[in-house]
Amino acid sequence: MFNILQLNEISPIVTKVLGDKYVLSKDVQNPEAIILRSFNMLDYAMPASLLCIARAGAGTNNIPVDSCAQKGIVVFNTPGANANAVKELAVCALLLASRSIVPAIEWARTLKGKGTDVPKLVANGKGEFAGPEIAGKRLGVIGLGAIGAQVANTAIELGMTVYGYDPYISIDGAWNLSNYVIRETDLSRLFGDCDYLSLHVPYNSATKHIIDGAAIEKMKQNVCIINCSRAELVNNGDLLAAIKSRKVARYITDFPSDELLDTENVVAIPHLGASTPEAEDNCAVMAAKQTVEFIANGNIINSVNFPRVTLPRSGKCRVTVIHENVKAMLTTLTDTVSAAKINIANMISQSQGNYAYTILDLDDDVSETELKKLRAHTGVIKVRVIR
């Protein structure tokens, strides 16, 4: 039996994926895995037994990813599992940005109690809330991953001209993107060309405040900005100044903060991007499957701190090694196994940044003596045997 610690409420469908070999609970001791959503682990004391952490969602800024790598703890996320849910909210945000729907609804509520005068008051007052259609307008999508690509494709279907910017687009992302999306390689030019901008990039040191005063200065007058990605992508002070000067017509964000609330032409949605039962189920299932695959077979899928490494099982036992990405490490590992007169039936090794991961399928069982030798090598972080 393997213990999985649950730090947030997770869709109950996850138990069907885990099966009877895994105990999922908020109270388990010495867990091999942790599944969570938004729980803050930045100051969390990691159990010595911990092999992996699975985040049921895309963002992992609530997990100390780098320190986990140093300890040989694999961190998973679930890219694309909530993509449709966030895409739908982003499309909704496009309409909210364009049509003054929220202010109009708020105004209509003030007519309560006017009785039979309401229809006449509506007819006389609705002109204050007129707004343009999105068809025929230019949308710039920054980030063309699972969510950004869906937003771009849907906007094409709604009659918009779509420009896409993503210098790191994956092969899968390119395949999923409509041929009608216009590739833009210059972010400044995209800012200057588009009536609407939608952000779909992760938050990191390179994307922090990608929308700031300098970026806004390059944008068209009356641009509308949509942020369903991360709060930190936008400098709120610069954004509010641009709202006040009417450079930015409207800002729709899924990340409320005190300075944004109750501000004219800012619509702050309470982080509803992935808040659908379908998205919660999808994220939970993907997180559980990746956890089981790693614990049972040592395969790494969708890790944010180690490379993707998968290998069909062969041989009598499997040894997995998390190690630093240093020269001659693979030779060191294979020589240690060969010295024990154990044949390597199959193997694979991949690196990512400062770290690497090696799987060795062996024709014979490996003793604790050989495992200690593997662990003793400089640069080896964690060795595990799977029988």
Protein backbone atom coordinates (compact mmCIF):
# COMPACT_ATOMS: atom_id res chain seq x y z
CA MET A 1 0.00 0.00 0.00
CA PHE A 2 1.11 3.53 -0.79
CA ASN A 3 0.05 6.60 1.17
CA ILE A 4 -1.02 9.79 -0.60
CA LEU A 5 -1.54 12.92 1.46
CA GLN A 6 -4.42 15.14 0.31
CA LEU A 7 -3.83 18.81 1.15
CA ASN A 8 -6.92 20.22 -0.60
CA GLU A 9 -10.37 18.98 -1.46
CA ILE A 10 -10.02 16.94 -4.63
CA SER A 11 -12.70 15.55 -6.93
CA PRO A 12 -13.81 12.16 -5.53
CA ILE A 13 -13.33 10.67 -8.99
CA VAL A 14 -9.64 10.45 -8.11
CA THR A 15 -10.24 7.35 -5.96
CA LYS A 16 -11.32 5.41 -9.06
CA VAL A 17 -7.96 6.14 -10.67
CA LEU A 18 -5.91 5.26 -7.61
CA GLY A 19 -7.51 1.89 -6.95
CA ASP A 20 -7.01 -0.24 -3.86
CA LYS A 21 -3.20 -0.03 -3.70
CA TYR A 22 -3.26 3.63 -2.65
CA VAL A 23 -4.59 5.27 0.49
CA LEU A 24 -5.68 8.89 -0.09
CA SER A 25 -6.32 10.86 3.08
CA LYS A 26 -5.71 14.20 4.81
CA ASP A 27 -4.23 12.32 7.77
CA VAL A 28 -1.81 9.74 6.35
CA GLN A 29 1.66 9.48 7.83
CA ASN A 30 4.89 9.09 5.83
CA PRO A 31 3.27 9.76 2.43
CA GLU A 32 4.95 8.70 -0.78
CA ALA A 33 2.96 11.35 -2.67
CA ILE A 34 1.02 14.55 -2.09
CA ILE A 35 -1.91 15.74 -4.21
CA LEU A 36 -3.02 19.35 -3.83
CA ARG A 37 -4.55 22.35 -5.53
CA SER A 38 -3.83 25.76 -4.00
CA PHE A 39 -2.36 24.73 -0.62
CA ASN A 40 0.74 26.83 0.13
CA MET A 41 3.72 24.49 0.45
CA LEU A 42 6.43 27.15 0.30
CA ASP A 43 7.24 26.72 4.01
CA TYR A 44 6.01 23.14 4.28
CA ALA A 45 8.22 20.54 5.98
CA MET A 46 8.64 17.82 3.35
CA PRO A 47 8.37 14.27 4.75
CA ALA A 48 11.46 12.12 4.20
CA SER A 49 9.22 9.49 2.58
CA LEU A 50 7.97 11.87 -0.13
CA LEU A 51 8.62 10.87 -3.75
CA CYS A 52 6.38 13.26 -5.66
CA ILE A 53 3.89 16.11 -5.48
CA ALA A 54 1.01 16.42 -7.96
CA ARG A 55 -0.64 19.79 -8.44
CA ALA A 56 -4.19 19.48 -9.79
CA GLY A 57 -3.79 22.54 -11.99
CA ALA A 58 -1.22 24.22 -14.20
CA GLY A 59 0.46 26.73 -11.90
CA THR A 60 3.00 25.56 -9.32
CA ASN A 61 3.99 28.84 -7.66
CA ASN A 62 2.56 27.49 -4.37
CA ILE A 63 5.18 24.70 -4.39
CA PRO A 64 8.94 25.13 -3.76
CA VAL A 65 9.82 23.52 -7.08
CA ASP A 66 13.58 24.17 -6.97
CA SER A 67 14.12 22.91 -3.44
CA CYS A 68 12.02 19.84 -4.29
CA ALA A 69 14.38 19.10 -7.18
CA GLN A 70 17.36 19.35 -4.83
CA LYS A 71 15.71 16.74 -2.59
CA GLY A 72 14.75 14.45 -5.49
CA ILE A 73 11.02 15.16 -5.17
CA VAL A 74 9.30 15.19 -8.55
CA VAL A 75 6.64 17.91 -8.96
CA PHE A 76 3.85 17.33 -11.46
CA ASN A 77 1.22 19.69 -12.83
CA THR A 78 -1.74 19.02 -15.12
CA PRO A 79 -1.32 21.16 -18.23
CA GLY A 80 -4.39 21.30 -20.43
CA ALA A 81 -6.71 19.57 -17.98
CA ASN A 82 -8.57 22.80 -17.25
CA ALA A 83 -7.90 24.42 -20.63
CA ASN A 84 -11.48 24.41 -21.87
CA ALA A 85 -12.80 25.93 -18.64
CA VAL A 86 -10.30 28.80 -18.73
CA LYS A 87 -10.86 29.26 -22.44
CA GLU A 88 -14.58 29.71 -21.89
CA LEU A 89 -13.96 32.33 -19.20
CA ALA A 90 -11.48 34.16 -21.45
CA VAL A 91 -14.05 34.27 -24.26
CA CYS A 92 -16.61 35.55 -21.75
CA ALA A 93 -14.06 38.20 -20.73
CA LEU A 94 -13.75 39.31 -24.36
CA LEU A 95 -17.46 40.06 -24.39
CA LEU A 96 -17.38 41.70 -20.96
CA ALA A 97 -14.53 43.92 -22.16
CA SER A 98 -16.38 44.98 -25.27
CA ARG A 99 -20.04 45.39 -24.39
CA SER A 100 -20.19 47.12 -20.95
CA ILE A 101 -22.31 44.22 -19.73
CA VAL A 102 -21.31 44.38 -16.06
CA PRO A 103 -21.95 48.16 -15.64
CA ALA A 104 -25.25 47.75 -17.50
CA ILE A 105 -26.41 44.97 -15.17
CA GLU A 106 -25.40 47.01 -12.13
CA TRP A 107 -27.39 50.00 -13.49
CA ALA A 108 -30.43 47.85 -14.23
CA ARG A 109 -30.51 46.76 -10.58
CA THR A 110 -31.00 50.40 -9.56
CA LEU A 111 -34.35 50.36 -11.35
CA LYS A 112 -35.82 47.99 -8.80
CA GLY A 113 -39.07 49.44 -7.41
CA LYS A 114 -39.80 51.67 -10.43
CA GLY A 115 -42.74 49.45 -11.36
CA THR A 116 -44.26 49.97 -14.80
CA ASP A 117 -41.68 52.69 -15.56
CA VAL A 118 -38.88 50.14 -15.84
CA PRO A 119 -39.26 49.41 -19.61
CA LYS A 120 -39.25 53.13 -20.44
CA LEU A 121 -36.25 53.78 -18.19
CA VAL A 122 -34.40 50.91 -19.83
CA ALA A 123 -35.13 52.27 -23.30
CA ASN A 124 -33.90 55.72 -22.31
CA GLY A 125 -30.82 54.60 -20.41
CA LYS A 126 -29.39 51.71 -22.37
CA GLY A 127 -27.48 53.98 -24.75
CA GLU A 128 -24.99 54.70 -21.99
CA PHE A 129 -23.81 51.10 -22.19
CA ALA A 130 -23.37 50.60 -25.91
CA GLY A 131 -20.21 48.80 -26.95
CA PRO A 132 -18.58 47.43 -30.10
CA GLU A 133 -18.81 43.89 -31.43
CA ILE A 134 -15.69 41.74 -31.30
CA ALA A 135 -16.19 40.40 -34.85
CA GLY A 136 -13.76 42.07 -37.21
CA LYS A 137 -11.50 43.29 -34.39
CA ARG A 138 -7.90 42.29 -33.75
CA LEU A 139 -7.01 40.04 -30.82
CA GLY A 140 -3.46 39.44 -29.67
CA VAL A 141 -2.96 36.19 -27.78
CA ILE A 142 0.24 36.11 -25.75
CA GLY A 143 1.13 32.50 -25.04
CA LEU A 144 -0.10 29.67 -27.25
CA GLY A 145 -0.14 26.71 -24.91
CA ALA A 146 -3.17 24.55 -24.23
CA ILE A 147 -5.35 27.49 -23.15
CA GLY A 148 -4.01 30.22 -25.42
CA ALA A 149 -4.39 28.06 -28.52
CA GLN A 150 -8.04 27.34 -27.68
CA VAL A 151 -8.73 31.04 -27.08
CA ALA A 152 -7.12 31.91 -30.41
CA ASN A 153 -9.05 29.24 -32.29
CA THR A 154 -12.38 30.24 -30.74
CA ALA A 155 -11.77 33.92 -31.48
CA ILE A 156 -11.16 33.00 -35.13
CA GLU A 157 -14.55 31.26 -35.18
CA LEU A 158 -16.13 34.39 -33.69
CA GLY A 159 -14.86 36.45 -36.62
CA MET A 160 -11.82 38.10 -35.07
CA THR A 161 -8.43 38.54 -36.67
CA VAL A 162 -6.04 36.81 -34.29
CA TYR A 163 -2.33 37.38 -33.81
CA GLY A 164 -0.40 34.86 -31.72
CA TYR A 165 2.88 35.44 -29.90
CA ASP A 166 4.82 32.58 -28.32
CA PRO A 167 8.58 32.19 -28.91
CA TYR A 168 8.49 28.89 -26.99
CA ILE A 169 5.51 27.25 -28.67
CA SER A 170 5.66 23.47 -28.53
CA ILE A 171 5.12 21.13 -31.45
CA ASP A 172 1.82 20.01 -29.92
CA GLY A 173 0.80 23.64 -29.48
CA ALA A 174 1.55 24.40 -33.11
CA TRP A 175 -0.46 21.39 -34.28
CA ASN A 176 -3.45 22.50 -32.21
CA LEU A 177 -3.43 26.06 -33.53
CA SER A 178 -5.69 27.21 -36.35
CA ASN A 179 -3.92 28.00 -39.61
CA TYR A 180 -5.73 31.35 -39.57
CA VAL A 181 -3.85 32.57 -36.50
CA ILE A 182 -1.23 35.07 -37.66
CA ARG A 183 2.19 34.46 -36.17
CA GLU A 184 3.76 37.49 -34.51
CA THR A 185 7.40 37.43 -33.43
CA ASP A 186 7.62 41.00 -32.17
CA LEU A 187 5.69 41.67 -28.96
CA SER A 188 5.91 45.44 -29.43
CA ARG A 189 4.32 45.15 -32.87
CA LEU A 190 1.55 42.95 -31.47
CA PHE A 191 0.84 45.59 -28.81
CA GLY A 192 0.53 48.25 -31.48
CA ASP A 193 -1.71 46.26 -33.82
CA CYS A 194 -4.35 44.76 -31.55
CA ASP A 195 -7.64 46.03 -30.12
CA TYR A 196 -7.73 43.27 -27.48
CA LEU A 197 -4.96 41.41 -25.68
CA SER A 198 -5.35 38.09 -23.85
CA LEU A 199 -2.58 36.77 -21.59
CA HIS A 200 -1.86 33.04 -21.38
CA VAL A 201 1.72 32.66 -20.17
CA PRO A 202 3.06 31.22 -16.90
CA TYR A 203 4.37 33.52 -14.21
CA ASN A 204 8.15 33.59 -13.86
CA SER A 205 10.97 36.12 -13.73
CA ALA A 206 10.74 36.70 -17.50
CA THR A 207 6.98 37.31 -17.56
CA LYS A 208 6.56 39.31 -14.35
CA HIS A 209 4.86 42.62 -15.26
CA ILE A 210 4.93 41.80 -18.96
CA ILE A 211 2.18 44.40 -19.03
CA ASP A 212 3.61 47.58 -17.48
CA GLY A 213 3.74 51.25 -18.33
CA ALA A 214 6.28 50.78 -21.11
CA ALA A 215 4.24 48.01 -22.72
CA ILE A 216 1.00 49.96 -22.42
CA GLU A 217 2.61 52.95 -24.10
CA LYS A 218 3.07 50.82 -27.23
CA MET A 219 -0.59 49.74 -27.32
CA LYS A 220 -3.47 51.15 -29.33
CA GLN A 221 -5.73 53.73 -27.75
CA ASN A 222 -8.73 52.14 -25.98
CA VAL A 223 -7.15 48.69 -25.89
CA CYS A 224 -8.88 46.02 -23.78
CA ILE A 225 -6.69 43.66 -21.72
CA ILE A 226 -7.76 40.23 -20.46
CA ASN A 227 -5.79 38.35 -17.83
CA CYS A 228 -6.96 34.84 -16.98
CA SER A 229 -3.41 33.60 -16.41
CA ARG A 230 -1.62 35.09 -13.38
CA ALA A 231 -2.04 38.32 -11.40
CA GLU A 232 1.69 39.07 -11.44
CA LEU A 233 1.79 39.42 -15.22
CA VAL A 234 0.32 42.92 -14.91
CA ASN A 235 1.67 45.90 -13.01
CA ASN A 236 -1.54 47.06 -11.36
CA GLY A 237 -0.28 50.58 -10.67
CA ASP A 238 0.62 51.16 -14.31
CA LEU A 239 -2.61 49.52 -15.43
CA LEU A 240 -4.78 51.74 -13.24
CA ALA A 241 -2.99 54.84 -14.50
CA ALA A 242 -3.70 53.74 -18.06
CA ILE A 243 -7.37 53.11 -17.18
CA LYS A 244 -7.61 56.60 -15.70
CA SER A 245 -6.07 58.21 -18.80
CA ARG A 246 -8.38 56.12 -21.06
CA LYS A 247 -5.41 54.55 -22.82
CA VAL A 248 -6.80 51.19 -21.63
CA ALA A 249 -10.56 51.01 -22.16
CA ARG A 250 -11.18 48.05 -19.88
CA TYR A 251 -9.26 45.44 -17.88
CA ILE A 252 -10.84 42.05 -17.19
CA THR A 253 -8.93 39.92 -14.71
CA ASP A 254 -9.53 36.65 -12.89
CA PHE A 255 -7.33 37.89 -10.03
CA PRO A 256 -8.94 40.50 -7.77
CA SER A 257 -6.82 42.68 -5.52
CA ASP A 258 -7.78 45.52 -3.22
CA GLU A 259 -6.65 48.27 -5.58
CA LEU A 260 -8.59 46.80 -8.52
CA LEU A 261 -11.92 46.32 -6.76
CA ASP A 262 -14.67 48.89 -7.26
CA THR A 263 -12.65 50.61 -9.98
CA GLU A 264 -14.37 51.92 -13.09
CA ASN A 265 -13.64 49.89 -16.24
CA VAL A 266 -12.04 47.07 -14.27
CA VAL A 267 -13.94 43.79 -13.96
CA ALA A 268 -12.38 41.55 -11.32
CA ILE A 269 -13.66 37.96 -11.48
CA PRO A 270 -13.01 35.91 -8.29
CA HIS A 271 -10.60 33.40 -9.81
CA LEU A 272 -13.21 31.29 -11.59
CA GLY A 273 -11.06 30.15 -14.52
CA ALA A 274 -10.89 26.48 -13.58
CA SER A 275 -13.93 26.46 -11.30
CA THR A 276 -16.03 23.97 -13.20
CA PRO A 277 -16.82 20.40 -12.13
CA GLU A 278 -15.42 19.16 -15.44
CA ALA A 279 -12.09 20.93 -14.96
CA GLU A 280 -11.79 19.76 -11.36
CA ASP A 281 -12.43 16.17 -12.46
CA ASN A 282 -9.95 16.43 -15.34
CA CYS A 283 -7.21 17.89 -13.15
CA ALA A 284 -7.74 15.32 -10.40
CA VAL A 285 -7.67 12.41 -12.83
CA MET A 286 -4.50 13.63 -14.56
CA ALA A 287 -2.75 14.29 -11.24
CA ALA A 288 -3.69 10.83 -9.96
CA LYS A 289 -2.62 9.04 -13.16
CA GLN A 290 0.78 10.76 -13.18
CA THR A 291 1.28 9.93 -9.51
CA VAL A 292 0.43 6.26 -10.00
CA GLU A 293 2.63 6.00 -13.09
CA PHE A 294 5.58 7.43 -11.21
CA ILE A 295 5.16 5.39 -8.05
CA ALA A 296 4.38 2.13 -9.83
CA ASN A 297 6.71 2.40 -12.82
CA GLY A 298 9.05 5.34 -12.22
CA ASN A 299 7.86 7.10 -15.37
CA ILE A 300 7.80 10.91 -15.29
CA ILE A 301 5.04 12.71 -17.21
CA ASN A 302 4.36 16.46 -16.98
CA SER A 303 6.94 17.31 -14.35
CA VAL A 304 7.95 20.93 -13.88
CA ASN A 305 11.34 20.19 -12.30
CA PHE A 306 12.52 17.03 -14.06
CA PRO A 307 12.49 15.87 -17.70
CA ARG A 308 9.80 13.70 -19.21
CA VAL A 309 11.14 10.12 -19.08
CA THR A 310 9.06 7.06 -19.89
CA LEU A 311 10.12 3.50 -20.65
CA PRO A 312 8.03 0.32 -20.99
CA ARG A 313 8.83 -2.15 -18.21
CA SER A 314 11.24 -4.99 -18.97
CA GLY A 315 13.62 -7.13 -16.98
CA LYS A 316 13.20 -8.32 -13.39
CA CYS A 317 13.42 -5.01 -11.55
CA ARG A 318 13.68 -1.31 -12.30
CA VAL A 319 16.12 1.13 -10.71
CA THR A 320 15.48 4.85 -11.05
CA VAL A 321 18.11 7.47 -10.30
CA ILE A 322 17.56 11.19 -9.83
CA HIS A 323 20.90 12.93 -10.16
CA GLU A 324 22.68 16.11 -11.07
CA ASN A 325 23.27 16.74 -14.75
CA VAL A 326 27.04 16.17 -14.71
CA LYS A 327 29.49 14.56 -17.08
CA ALA A 328 30.08 10.81 -17.02
CA MET A 329 27.23 10.15 -14.60
CA LEU A 330 25.59 7.65 -16.92
CA THR A 331 28.87 5.74 -17.27
CA THR A 332 29.27 5.75 -13.50
CA LEU A 333 25.82 4.28 -12.97
CA THR A 334 26.09 1.59 -15.63
CA ASP A 335 29.61 0.61 -14.51
CA THR A 336 28.34 0.13 -10.96
CA VAL A 337 25.58 -2.18 -12.15
CA SER A 338 27.87 -4.08 -14.51
CA ALA A 339 30.44 -4.58 -11.75
CA ALA A 340 27.75 -6.48 -9.84
CA LYS A 341 27.40 -8.76 -12.91
CA ILE A 342 23.84 -7.60 -13.52
CA ASN A 343 22.73 -7.21 -17.13
CA ILE A 344 20.92 -4.03 -18.14
CA ALA A 345 17.92 -5.07 -20.23
CA ASN A 346 16.93 -1.54 -21.17
CA MET A 347 17.61 2.02 -20.08
CA ILE A 348 16.88 5.65 -20.71
CA SER A 349 18.33 8.91 -19.40
CA GLN A 350 17.21 12.50 -19.95
CA SER A 351 18.34 15.83 -18.54
CA GLN A 352 16.67 19.16 -17.89
CA GLY A 353 18.73 22.06 -16.66
CA ASN A 354 20.78 21.08 -13.62
CA TYR A 355 19.07 17.73 -13.12
CA ALA A 356 18.68 14.41 -14.89
CA TYR A 357 16.74 11.19 -14.51
CA THR A 358 17.84 7.69 -15.43
CA ILE A 359 15.84 4.46 -15.58
CA LEU A 360 17.67 1.11 -15.58
CA ASP A 361 15.72 -2.09 -16.24
CA LEU A 362 17.75 -5.01 -14.93
CA ASP A 363 17.57 -8.73 -15.74
CA ASP A 364 18.36 -9.65 -12.13
CA ASP A 365 17.36 -8.25 -8.78
CA VAL A 366 19.66 -5.69 -7.22
CA SER A 367 20.91 -6.01 -3.66
CA GLU A 368 21.00 -3.34 -0.99
CA THR A 369 24.79 -3.34 -1.31
CA GLU A 370 24.61 -2.25 -4.96
CA LEU A 371 21.94 0.34 -4.14
CA LYS A 372 24.20 1.82 -1.46
CA LYS A 373 27.01 2.05 -4.00
CA LEU A 374 24.75 3.88 -6.43
CA ARG A 375 23.61 6.29 -3.72
CA ALA A 376 27.21 6.96 -2.68
CA HIS A 377 28.24 8.48 -6.01
CA THR A 378 28.74 12.25 -6.01
CA GLY A 379 25.82 13.95 -7.71
CA VAL A 380 23.30 11.18 -7.05
CA ILE A 381 20.25 12.60 -5.28
CA LYS A 382 17.82 9.70 -4.96
CA VAL A 383 17.85 6.03 -5.94
CA ARG A 384 14.72 3.89 -5.95
CA VAL A 385 14.12 0.25 -6.85
CA ILE A 386 10.77 -0.86 -8.27
CA ARG A 387 10.07 -4.57 -8.29
